[in-house]
N, C-alpha and C. Protein backbone atom coordinates (compact mmCIF):
# COMPACT_ATOMS: atom_id res chain seq x y z
N MET A 1 -21.62 -32.06 -17.83
CA MET A 1 -21.36 -32.86 -18.98
C MET A 1 -22.37 -32.47 -20.08
N SER A 2 -21.93 -32.29 -21.26
CA SER A 2 -22.80 -31.89 -22.35
C SER A 2 -23.70 -33.03 -22.78
N ALA A 3 -24.82 -32.64 -23.45
CA ALA A 3 -25.74 -33.66 -23.93
C ALA A 3 -25.11 -34.57 -24.95
N ARG A 4 -24.20 -34.01 -25.75
CA ARG A 4 -23.52 -34.83 -26.78
C ARG A 4 -22.69 -35.92 -26.14
N LYS A 5 -21.97 -35.56 -25.08
CA LYS A 5 -21.13 -36.55 -24.38
C LYS A 5 -21.99 -37.63 -23.70
N ILE A 6 -23.11 -37.21 -23.15
CA ILE A 6 -24.03 -38.17 -22.49
C ILE A 6 -24.58 -39.13 -23.51
N ASN A 7 -25.04 -38.59 -24.65
CA ASN A 7 -25.60 -39.43 -25.70
C ASN A 7 -24.58 -40.42 -26.23
N PHE A 8 -23.34 -39.95 -26.39
CA PHE A 8 -22.26 -40.84 -26.82
C PHE A 8 -22.04 -41.94 -25.80
N TYR A 9 -22.03 -41.58 -24.53
CA TYR A 9 -21.80 -42.57 -23.45
C TYR A 9 -22.95 -43.56 -23.42
N LEU A 10 -24.21 -43.07 -23.48
CA LEU A 10 -25.31 -43.98 -23.45
C LEU A 10 -25.38 -44.87 -24.69
N GLY A 11 -24.99 -44.33 -25.83
CA GLY A 11 -24.94 -45.15 -27.06
C GLY A 11 -23.91 -46.24 -26.94
N SER A 12 -22.77 -45.93 -26.35
CA SER A 12 -21.73 -46.96 -26.14
C SER A 12 -22.21 -48.03 -25.14
N LEU A 13 -22.82 -47.54 -24.09
CA LEU A 13 -23.32 -48.41 -23.05
C LEU A 13 -24.40 -49.35 -23.58
N ARG A 14 -25.20 -48.87 -24.49
CA ARG A 14 -26.26 -49.65 -25.07
C ARG A 14 -25.74 -50.88 -25.82
N LEU A 15 -24.55 -50.75 -26.33
CA LEU A 15 -23.92 -51.85 -27.12
C LEU A 15 -23.32 -52.93 -26.26
N THR A 16 -23.13 -52.68 -24.97
CA THR A 16 -22.52 -53.68 -24.12
C THR A 16 -23.53 -54.76 -23.80
N PRO A 17 -23.11 -56.02 -23.78
CA PRO A 17 -24.09 -57.11 -23.53
C PRO A 17 -24.74 -57.03 -22.15
N GLU A 18 -24.04 -56.49 -21.18
CA GLU A 18 -24.60 -56.42 -19.81
C GLU A 18 -25.77 -55.44 -19.73
N HIS A 19 -25.83 -54.45 -20.65
CA HIS A 19 -26.83 -53.43 -20.52
C HIS A 19 -27.91 -53.51 -21.61
N GLN A 20 -27.74 -54.40 -22.57
CA GLN A 20 -28.69 -54.48 -23.67
C GLN A 20 -30.10 -54.76 -23.20
N ARG A 21 -30.25 -55.65 -22.21
CA ARG A 21 -31.59 -55.98 -21.78
C ARG A 21 -32.29 -54.77 -21.12
N LEU A 22 -31.51 -54.00 -20.37
CA LEU A 22 -32.06 -52.82 -19.73
C LEU A 22 -32.51 -51.78 -20.76
N PHE A 23 -31.67 -51.54 -21.77
CA PHE A 23 -32.01 -50.55 -22.79
C PHE A 23 -33.20 -51.05 -23.64
N ASN A 24 -33.28 -52.33 -23.91
CA ASN A 24 -34.42 -52.87 -24.65
C ASN A 24 -35.73 -52.71 -23.88
N TYR A 25 -35.63 -52.92 -22.58
CA TYR A 25 -36.80 -52.73 -21.71
C TYR A 25 -37.24 -51.28 -21.69
N ALA A 26 -36.26 -50.36 -21.60
CA ALA A 26 -36.61 -48.94 -21.55
C ALA A 26 -37.19 -48.50 -22.93
N ASP A 27 -36.67 -49.03 -24.02
CA ASP A 27 -37.25 -48.74 -25.34
C ASP A 27 -38.68 -49.25 -25.46
N LYS A 28 -38.93 -50.45 -24.94
CA LYS A 28 -40.26 -51.01 -24.97
C LYS A 28 -41.23 -50.16 -24.16
N LEU A 29 -40.80 -49.69 -22.97
CA LEU A 29 -41.66 -48.85 -22.16
C LEU A 29 -41.95 -47.53 -22.85
N ALA A 30 -40.95 -46.96 -23.53
CA ALA A 30 -41.14 -45.73 -24.26
C ALA A 30 -42.16 -45.90 -25.38
N LEU A 31 -42.09 -47.02 -26.10
CA LEU A 31 -43.04 -47.28 -27.16
C LEU A 31 -44.43 -47.50 -26.62
N MET A 32 -44.52 -48.20 -25.48
CA MET A 32 -45.82 -48.45 -24.84
C MET A 32 -46.42 -47.10 -24.35
N GLN A 33 -45.57 -46.18 -23.89
CA GLN A 33 -46.06 -44.89 -23.47
C GLN A 33 -46.66 -44.13 -24.64
N GLN A 34 -45.99 -44.21 -25.79
CA GLN A 34 -46.52 -43.58 -26.98
C GLN A 34 -47.88 -44.14 -27.38
N VAL A 35 -47.98 -45.49 -27.29
CA VAL A 35 -49.27 -46.14 -27.63
C VAL A 35 -50.33 -45.73 -26.61
N PHE A 36 -49.95 -45.68 -25.36
CA PHE A 36 -50.91 -45.31 -24.31
C PHE A 36 -51.44 -43.91 -24.56
N VAL A 37 -50.60 -42.98 -24.93
CA VAL A 37 -50.99 -41.60 -25.21
C VAL A 37 -52.02 -41.58 -26.36
N LYS A 38 -51.83 -42.46 -27.33
CA LYS A 38 -52.77 -42.49 -28.47
C LYS A 38 -54.11 -43.14 -28.14
N ILE A 39 -54.13 -44.16 -27.30
CA ILE A 39 -55.35 -44.94 -27.07
C ILE A 39 -56.14 -44.51 -25.86
N ALA A 40 -55.51 -43.76 -24.94
CA ALA A 40 -56.17 -43.37 -23.69
C ALA A 40 -56.94 -42.05 -23.95
N PRO A 41 -57.96 -41.77 -23.16
CA PRO A 41 -58.62 -40.46 -23.28
C PRO A 41 -57.56 -39.38 -23.02
N PRO A 42 -57.58 -38.29 -23.81
CA PRO A 42 -56.51 -37.31 -23.73
C PRO A 42 -56.28 -36.73 -22.31
N ARG A 43 -57.32 -36.45 -21.59
CA ARG A 43 -57.13 -35.88 -20.25
C ARG A 43 -56.46 -36.86 -19.28
N LEU A 44 -56.73 -38.13 -19.46
CA LEU A 44 -56.09 -39.14 -18.64
C LEU A 44 -54.66 -39.35 -19.10
N ALA A 45 -54.43 -39.35 -20.39
CA ALA A 45 -53.08 -39.60 -20.92
C ALA A 45 -52.11 -38.52 -20.43
N GLN A 46 -52.58 -37.33 -20.24
CA GLN A 46 -51.72 -36.20 -19.76
C GLN A 46 -51.28 -36.45 -18.34
N ARG A 47 -52.09 -37.16 -17.56
CA ARG A 47 -51.85 -37.30 -16.11
C ARG A 47 -51.40 -38.69 -15.70
N CYS A 48 -51.07 -39.57 -16.67
CA CYS A 48 -50.64 -40.94 -16.39
C CYS A 48 -49.42 -41.29 -17.23
N THR A 49 -48.66 -42.27 -16.69
CA THR A 49 -47.54 -42.80 -17.44
C THR A 49 -47.48 -44.29 -17.29
N VAL A 50 -46.79 -44.89 -18.26
CA VAL A 50 -46.53 -46.33 -18.18
C VAL A 50 -45.46 -46.55 -17.14
N GLY A 51 -45.69 -47.42 -16.18
CA GLY A 51 -44.74 -47.67 -15.11
C GLY A 51 -43.85 -48.87 -15.29
N ALA A 52 -44.47 -49.98 -15.61
CA ALA A 52 -43.72 -51.23 -15.78
C ALA A 52 -44.54 -52.17 -16.63
N PHE A 53 -43.81 -53.12 -17.21
CA PHE A 53 -44.45 -54.20 -18.00
C PHE A 53 -43.66 -55.45 -17.78
N VAL A 54 -44.27 -56.34 -16.96
CA VAL A 54 -43.56 -57.58 -16.55
C VAL A 54 -44.55 -58.76 -16.76
N GLU A 55 -44.15 -59.71 -17.59
CA GLU A 55 -44.90 -60.92 -17.84
C GLU A 55 -46.36 -60.66 -18.15
N GLY A 56 -46.61 -59.69 -19.01
CA GLY A 56 -48.00 -59.37 -19.44
C GLY A 56 -48.73 -58.44 -18.53
N ALA A 57 -48.20 -58.12 -17.40
CA ALA A 57 -48.87 -57.23 -16.47
C ALA A 57 -48.32 -55.81 -16.65
N LEU A 58 -49.19 -54.91 -17.03
CA LEU A 58 -48.82 -53.54 -17.28
C LEU A 58 -49.24 -52.68 -16.07
N THR A 59 -48.35 -51.85 -15.57
CA THR A 59 -48.64 -50.95 -14.50
C THR A 59 -48.69 -49.53 -15.04
N LEU A 60 -49.78 -48.87 -14.82
CA LEU A 60 -49.91 -47.44 -15.18
C LEU A 60 -49.90 -46.59 -13.91
N CYS A 61 -49.14 -45.51 -13.96
CA CYS A 61 -49.02 -44.61 -12.79
C CYS A 61 -49.84 -43.38 -13.05
N ALA A 62 -50.73 -43.09 -12.10
CA ALA A 62 -51.59 -41.91 -12.19
C ALA A 62 -51.05 -40.85 -11.22
N ASP A 63 -51.31 -39.59 -11.53
CA ASP A 63 -50.83 -38.48 -10.69
C ASP A 63 -51.48 -38.45 -9.32
N ASN A 64 -52.76 -38.83 -9.26
CA ASN A 64 -53.47 -38.75 -7.95
C ASN A 64 -54.61 -39.79 -7.95
N GLY A 65 -55.26 -39.89 -6.84
CA GLY A 65 -56.33 -40.88 -6.63
C GLY A 65 -57.52 -40.67 -7.56
N ALA A 66 -57.88 -39.43 -7.81
CA ALA A 66 -59.01 -39.18 -8.70
C ALA A 66 -58.73 -39.64 -10.13
N ILE A 67 -57.54 -39.34 -10.60
CA ILE A 67 -57.15 -39.80 -11.93
C ILE A 67 -57.09 -41.30 -11.96
N ALA A 68 -56.58 -41.90 -10.91
CA ALA A 68 -56.50 -43.38 -10.87
C ALA A 68 -57.88 -44.01 -10.91
N ALA A 69 -58.87 -43.39 -10.24
CA ALA A 69 -60.19 -43.93 -10.27
C ALA A 69 -60.80 -43.86 -11.64
N LYS A 70 -60.58 -42.76 -12.34
CA LYS A 70 -61.12 -42.59 -13.70
C LYS A 70 -60.40 -43.57 -14.65
N LEU A 71 -59.10 -43.75 -14.40
CA LEU A 71 -58.33 -44.67 -15.25
C LEU A 71 -58.84 -46.12 -15.08
N ARG A 72 -59.17 -46.49 -13.88
CA ARG A 72 -59.68 -47.85 -13.59
C ARG A 72 -60.98 -48.09 -14.37
N GLN A 73 -61.75 -47.04 -14.58
CA GLN A 73 -63.02 -47.24 -15.28
C GLN A 73 -62.78 -47.56 -16.76
N THR A 74 -61.65 -47.14 -17.27
CA THR A 74 -61.34 -47.37 -18.72
C THR A 74 -60.47 -48.61 -18.99
N LEU A 75 -60.12 -49.35 -17.89
CA LEU A 75 -59.18 -50.45 -18.05
C LEU A 75 -59.61 -51.51 -19.03
N PRO A 76 -60.89 -51.94 -19.03
CA PRO A 76 -61.24 -52.97 -20.00
C PRO A 76 -61.01 -52.55 -21.46
N SER A 77 -61.35 -51.31 -21.80
CA SER A 77 -61.14 -50.88 -23.18
C SER A 77 -59.65 -50.64 -23.46
N LEU A 78 -58.91 -50.15 -22.47
CA LEU A 78 -57.47 -49.99 -22.65
C LEU A 78 -56.76 -51.30 -22.91
N LEU A 79 -57.21 -52.32 -22.14
CA LEU A 79 -56.61 -53.68 -22.29
C LEU A 79 -56.86 -54.20 -23.71
N LEU A 80 -58.06 -54.04 -24.22
CA LEU A 80 -58.36 -54.50 -25.57
C LEU A 80 -57.57 -53.68 -26.61
N LYS A 81 -57.42 -52.37 -26.42
CA LYS A 81 -56.70 -51.56 -27.37
C LYS A 81 -55.21 -51.88 -27.37
N PHE A 82 -54.64 -52.16 -26.17
CA PHE A 82 -53.24 -52.54 -26.13
C PHE A 82 -53.02 -53.85 -26.87
N GLN A 83 -53.96 -54.83 -26.63
CA GLN A 83 -53.87 -56.08 -27.32
C GLN A 83 -54.00 -55.93 -28.82
N ALA A 84 -54.85 -54.97 -29.26
CA ALA A 84 -55.05 -54.77 -30.70
C ALA A 84 -53.83 -54.18 -31.33
N THR A 85 -52.98 -53.49 -30.59
CA THR A 85 -51.76 -52.92 -31.15
C THR A 85 -50.61 -53.92 -31.16
N GLY A 86 -50.84 -55.11 -30.67
CA GLY A 86 -49.80 -56.12 -30.74
C GLY A 86 -49.08 -56.42 -29.44
N TYR A 87 -49.42 -55.72 -28.37
CA TYR A 87 -48.75 -56.00 -27.06
C TYR A 87 -49.52 -57.10 -26.34
N GLU A 88 -48.83 -58.01 -25.76
CA GLU A 88 -49.40 -59.13 -25.06
C GLU A 88 -49.71 -58.71 -23.59
N VAL A 89 -50.58 -57.76 -23.43
CA VAL A 89 -50.98 -57.27 -22.12
C VAL A 89 -52.10 -58.15 -21.62
N THR A 90 -51.93 -58.80 -20.49
CA THR A 90 -52.94 -59.67 -19.95
C THR A 90 -53.69 -59.01 -18.76
N SER A 91 -53.07 -58.02 -18.13
CA SER A 91 -53.69 -57.31 -17.04
C SER A 91 -53.10 -55.95 -16.94
N ILE A 92 -53.89 -55.01 -16.33
CA ILE A 92 -53.39 -53.66 -16.13
C ILE A 92 -53.66 -53.28 -14.69
N LYS A 93 -52.62 -52.81 -14.03
CA LYS A 93 -52.69 -52.40 -12.66
C LYS A 93 -52.48 -50.89 -12.63
N VAL A 94 -53.20 -50.20 -11.75
CA VAL A 94 -53.09 -48.74 -11.63
C VAL A 94 -52.45 -48.43 -10.29
N ALA A 95 -51.43 -47.60 -10.32
CA ALA A 95 -50.73 -47.14 -9.11
C ALA A 95 -50.78 -45.62 -9.11
N VAL A 96 -50.78 -45.06 -7.91
CA VAL A 96 -50.74 -43.61 -7.78
C VAL A 96 -49.28 -43.21 -7.52
N GLN A 97 -48.77 -42.41 -8.41
CA GLN A 97 -47.38 -41.94 -8.30
C GLN A 97 -47.37 -40.45 -8.65
N ALA A 98 -47.28 -39.62 -7.64
CA ALA A 98 -47.33 -38.17 -7.88
C ALA A 98 -46.08 -37.72 -8.60
N ARG A 99 -46.30 -36.80 -9.51
CA ARG A 99 -45.19 -36.18 -10.25
C ARG A 99 -44.75 -34.97 -9.44
N TYR A 100 -43.51 -34.85 -9.20
CA TYR A 100 -42.98 -33.70 -8.47
C TYR A 100 -42.34 -32.75 -9.46
N LYS A 101 -42.83 -31.53 -9.44
CA LYS A 101 -42.23 -30.47 -10.29
C LYS A 101 -41.13 -29.81 -9.50
N LEU A 102 -40.00 -29.55 -10.21
CA LEU A 102 -38.95 -28.80 -9.59
C LEU A 102 -39.36 -27.39 -9.36
N ILE A 103 -39.18 -26.90 -8.17
CA ILE A 103 -39.52 -25.52 -7.83
C ILE A 103 -38.41 -24.61 -8.29
N ASP A 104 -38.75 -23.55 -8.95
CA ASP A 104 -37.75 -22.58 -9.44
C ASP A 104 -36.98 -22.03 -8.21
N SER A 105 -35.68 -22.09 -8.30
CA SER A 105 -34.85 -21.60 -7.16
C SER A 105 -34.90 -20.09 -7.03
N ASN A 106 -35.37 -19.41 -8.04
CA ASN A 106 -35.49 -17.95 -7.97
C ASN A 106 -36.73 -17.62 -7.14
N ARG A 107 -36.51 -17.19 -5.92
CA ARG A 107 -37.61 -16.92 -4.97
C ARG A 107 -38.51 -15.76 -5.43
N GLU A 108 -37.99 -14.90 -6.27
CA GLU A 108 -38.79 -13.74 -6.72
C GLU A 108 -39.92 -14.21 -7.64
N SER A 109 -39.80 -15.38 -8.24
CA SER A 109 -40.84 -15.86 -9.15
C SER A 109 -42.06 -16.35 -8.37
N VAL A 110 -41.92 -16.59 -7.06
CA VAL A 110 -43.02 -17.03 -6.25
C VAL A 110 -43.89 -15.83 -5.88
N LYS A 111 -45.18 -15.91 -6.19
CA LYS A 111 -46.07 -14.81 -5.94
C LYS A 111 -46.33 -14.70 -4.44
N ARG A 112 -46.11 -13.60 -3.88
CA ARG A 112 -46.31 -13.35 -2.44
C ARG A 112 -47.79 -12.99 -2.22
N ARG A 113 -48.34 -13.58 -1.25
CA ARG A 113 -49.71 -13.29 -0.85
C ARG A 113 -49.68 -12.27 0.28
N ARG A 114 -50.42 -11.22 0.13
CA ARG A 114 -50.41 -10.15 1.14
C ARG A 114 -51.82 -10.00 1.67
N ILE A 115 -51.92 -9.72 2.95
CA ILE A 115 -53.20 -9.45 3.58
C ILE A 115 -53.38 -7.94 3.50
N GLY A 116 -54.57 -7.51 3.14
CA GLY A 116 -54.85 -6.09 3.04
C GLY A 116 -54.82 -5.40 4.40
N SER A 117 -54.84 -4.06 4.36
CA SER A 117 -54.74 -3.29 5.62
C SER A 117 -55.97 -3.56 6.50
N ALA A 118 -57.15 -3.68 5.93
CA ALA A 118 -58.36 -3.94 6.75
C ALA A 118 -58.27 -5.31 7.40
N GLY A 119 -57.78 -6.30 6.65
CA GLY A 119 -57.61 -7.66 7.19
C GLY A 119 -56.60 -7.69 8.31
N LEU A 120 -55.46 -6.92 8.14
CA LEU A 120 -54.45 -6.84 9.18
C LEU A 120 -55.00 -6.21 10.45
N ALA A 121 -55.81 -5.15 10.27
CA ALA A 121 -56.43 -4.47 11.45
C ALA A 121 -57.38 -5.39 12.13
N ASN A 122 -58.19 -6.16 11.41
CA ASN A 122 -59.10 -7.09 12.03
C ASN A 122 -58.38 -8.21 12.75
N LEU A 123 -57.33 -8.75 12.17
CA LEU A 123 -56.55 -9.78 12.80
C LEU A 123 -55.87 -9.25 14.06
N ASN A 124 -55.39 -8.04 14.01
CA ASN A 124 -54.77 -7.45 15.21
C ASN A 124 -55.78 -7.30 16.32
N ASN A 125 -57.00 -6.82 16.00
CA ASN A 125 -58.08 -6.68 17.02
C ASN A 125 -58.43 -8.02 17.59
N LEU A 126 -58.53 -9.05 16.74
CA LEU A 126 -58.85 -10.39 17.21
C LEU A 126 -57.76 -10.93 18.14
N ALA A 127 -56.51 -10.67 17.79
CA ALA A 127 -55.42 -11.20 18.62
C ALA A 127 -55.40 -10.51 19.99
N THR A 128 -55.77 -9.23 20.06
CA THR A 128 -55.79 -8.54 21.37
C THR A 128 -56.95 -9.04 22.23
N GLU A 129 -58.05 -9.44 21.64
CA GLU A 129 -59.23 -9.88 22.37
C GLU A 129 -59.12 -11.34 22.83
N LEU A 130 -58.30 -12.13 22.14
CA LEU A 130 -58.19 -13.57 22.47
C LEU A 130 -57.38 -13.80 23.77
N PRO A 131 -57.75 -14.82 24.55
CA PRO A 131 -56.93 -15.20 25.67
C PRO A 131 -55.68 -15.87 25.15
N GLN A 132 -54.67 -16.01 26.01
CA GLN A 132 -53.44 -16.66 25.60
C GLN A 132 -53.74 -18.08 25.12
N SER A 133 -53.41 -18.35 23.83
CA SER A 133 -53.70 -19.69 23.26
C SER A 133 -52.84 -19.89 22.05
N PRO A 134 -52.78 -21.12 21.52
CA PRO A 134 -52.04 -21.33 20.27
C PRO A 134 -52.58 -20.50 19.10
N LEU A 135 -53.88 -20.30 19.06
CA LEU A 135 -54.48 -19.50 17.98
C LEU A 135 -53.97 -18.04 18.05
N LYS A 136 -53.93 -17.47 19.28
CA LYS A 136 -53.42 -16.12 19.44
C LYS A 136 -51.93 -16.09 18.98
N ASN A 137 -51.17 -17.06 19.35
CA ASN A 137 -49.76 -17.06 18.97
C ASN A 137 -49.62 -17.17 17.43
N ALA A 138 -50.45 -17.98 16.82
CA ALA A 138 -50.41 -18.15 15.35
C ALA A 138 -50.76 -16.85 14.67
N ILE A 139 -51.77 -16.14 15.14
CA ILE A 139 -52.19 -14.87 14.54
C ILE A 139 -51.08 -13.84 14.68
N ARG A 140 -50.47 -13.79 15.88
CA ARG A 140 -49.36 -12.86 16.12
C ARG A 140 -48.17 -13.15 15.18
N SER A 141 -47.88 -14.44 14.98
CA SER A 141 -46.81 -14.81 14.08
C SER A 141 -47.11 -14.41 12.66
N LEU A 142 -48.36 -14.62 12.23
CA LEU A 142 -48.79 -14.23 10.87
C LEU A 142 -48.67 -12.72 10.70
N LEU A 143 -49.07 -11.97 11.70
CA LEU A 143 -49.00 -10.49 11.61
C LEU A 143 -47.54 -10.02 11.54
N LYS A 144 -46.62 -10.69 12.26
CA LYS A 144 -45.23 -10.32 12.24
C LYS A 144 -44.65 -10.61 10.83
N ARG A 145 -45.01 -11.74 10.27
CA ARG A 145 -44.47 -12.09 8.95
C ARG A 145 -44.99 -11.12 7.89
N GLN A 146 -46.25 -10.72 8.03
CA GLN A 146 -46.86 -9.80 7.05
C GLN A 146 -46.19 -8.42 7.14
N THR A 147 -45.87 -7.98 8.35
CA THR A 147 -45.25 -6.63 8.49
C THR A 147 -43.80 -6.65 8.01
N ARG A 148 -43.12 -7.84 8.09
CA ARG A 148 -41.76 -7.95 7.57
C ARG A 148 -41.72 -8.22 6.09
N GLY A 149 -42.88 -8.53 5.52
CA GLY A 149 -42.89 -8.77 4.07
C GLY A 149 -42.68 -10.19 3.70
N GLU A 150 -42.77 -11.16 4.65
CA GLU A 150 -42.61 -12.56 4.35
C GLU A 150 -43.96 -13.17 4.08
N GLU A 151 -43.95 -14.38 3.58
CA GLU A 151 -45.21 -15.05 3.26
C GLU A 151 -45.66 -15.83 4.51
């Protein structure tokens, strides 16, 4: 479906009474995201998004725990800045929500890691000297994949 058809459909859907509340909420979140990007430290703003806003409680989603910890340190000033922009934010909660990037389906774009000839020789020597064990099996499997050209 083309973007034009989708936009027409969403525009029509926005006008229906059953969906107006949903679209208004989505618009409010989009505006709050824009405000958040302006008031938050730039490095944090790149790694966080507005998640929800319910009854004055704002949820911010961070990419990982480290970003969430840094974000929590700035919560008092963020709360005041949101209130100064006219939003009735009474509390801010931080949640960790990883962003998943779509992997390119073109397998050739993935850089293959190769073990050099000296490394392969050393691994082969190690595998011959090891007693039968899971480690020996893993090294043998790695060597087979490397000789076939797999990762």
